[in-house]
């Protein structure tokens, strides 16, 4: 069982975290490029939020959203 966890630790430190070691070394040269993954996720979240709000306005204009506060029996 010990060898399984050592192999798992080796997998992460020697193979899967290699790109993160690259970005860590790159941060000393250029902070903006080193955090490109963060900026990409921020852009994806902004786009998803914009799409979600757009869909909410479409449903509100069509009167499709049901805002019944008595959805559960304990709320009535």
Protein backbone atom coordinates (compact mmCIF):
# COMPACT_ATOMS: atom_id res chain seq x y z
CA UNK A 1 0.00 0.00 0.00
CA UNK A 2 2.92 2.31 0.73
CA UNK A 3 4.26 1.87 -2.80
CA UNK A 4 0.87 2.85 -4.23
CA UNK A 5 0.94 6.20 -2.44
CA UNK A 6 4.58 6.74 -3.35
CA UNK A 7 3.75 6.06 -6.99
CA UNK A 8 0.81 8.44 -6.76
CA UNK A 9 3.06 11.13 -5.27
CA UNK A 10 5.65 10.54 -7.95
CA UNK A 11 2.99 10.80 -10.66
CA UNK A 12 1.92 14.22 -9.47
CA UNK A 13 5.32 15.70 -8.62
CA UNK A 14 7.29 14.28 -11.55
CA UNK A 15 4.75 14.38 -14.36
CA UNK A 16 1.49 16.22 -13.77
CA UNK A 17 2.94 19.31 -12.06
CA UNK A 18 5.63 19.92 -14.69
CA UNK A 19 3.60 22.72 -16.35
CA UNK A 20 3.13 24.37 -12.96
CA UNK A 21 6.90 24.31 -12.37
CA UNK A 22 7.31 26.04 -15.73
CA UNK A 23 4.84 28.77 -14.75
CA UNK A 24 6.50 29.18 -11.35
CA UNK A 25 9.86 29.81 -13.01
CA UNK A 26 8.24 32.08 -15.59
CA UNK A 27 6.68 34.24 -12.86
CA UNK A 28 10.07 35.66 -12.01
CA UNK A 29 10.37 36.98 -15.57
CA UNK A 30 6.83 38.08 -16.44
CA UNK A 31 3.91 37.99 -14.03
CA UNK A 32 1.24 38.51 -16.70
CA UNK A 33 2.29 35.56 -18.84
CA UNK A 34 2.74 33.31 -15.80
CA UNK A 35 -0.87 33.92 -14.79
CA UNK A 36 -2.34 33.31 -18.23
CA UNK A 37 -4.33 30.30 -16.98
CA UNK A 38 -5.96 32.49 -14.34
CA UNK A 39 -6.83 35.14 -16.95
CA UNK A 40 -8.34 32.50 -19.23
CA UNK A 41 -10.55 31.19 -16.41
CA UNK A 42 -11.61 34.74 -15.54
CA UNK A 43 -12.63 35.34 -19.16
CA UNK A 44 -14.56 32.06 -19.27
CA UNK A 45 -16.41 32.95 -16.06
CA UNK A 46 -17.25 36.42 -17.38
CA UNK A 47 -18.59 34.95 -20.61
CA UNK A 48 -20.65 32.36 -18.73
CA UNK A 49 -22.09 35.04 -16.43
CA UNK A 50 -22.94 37.24 -19.40
CA UNK A 51 -24.67 34.31 -21.17
CA UNK A 52 -26.58 33.38 -18.01
CA UNK A 53 -27.84 36.93 -17.51
CA UNK A 54 -28.83 37.13 -21.17
CA UNK A 55 -30.86 33.93 -20.81
CA UNK A 56 -32.51 35.26 -17.64
CA UNK A 57 -33.67 38.38 -19.46
CA UNK A 58 -35.03 36.29 -22.35
CA UNK A 59 -37.06 34.12 -19.95
CA UNK A 60 -38.28 37.20 -18.07
CA UNK A 61 -39.44 38.89 -21.29
CA UNK A 62 -41.36 35.76 -22.34
CA UNK A 63 -42.89 35.42 -18.84
CA UNK A 64 -41.47 31.90 -18.65
CA UNK A 65 -39.80 32.28 -15.27
CA UNK A 66 -41.91 30.98 -12.42
CA UNK A 67 -41.19 32.96 -9.27
CA UNK A 68 -43.68 31.18 -7.06
CA UNK A 69 -42.43 31.42 -3.49
CA UNK A 70 -44.69 28.57 -2.38
CA UNK A 71 -42.61 25.94 -4.15
CA UNK A 72 -42.32 24.03 -0.87
CA UNK A 73 -45.09 23.32 1.55
CA UNK A 74 -43.20 24.86 4.46
CA UNK A 75 -43.09 28.26 2.69
CA UNK A 76 -46.86 28.67 2.43
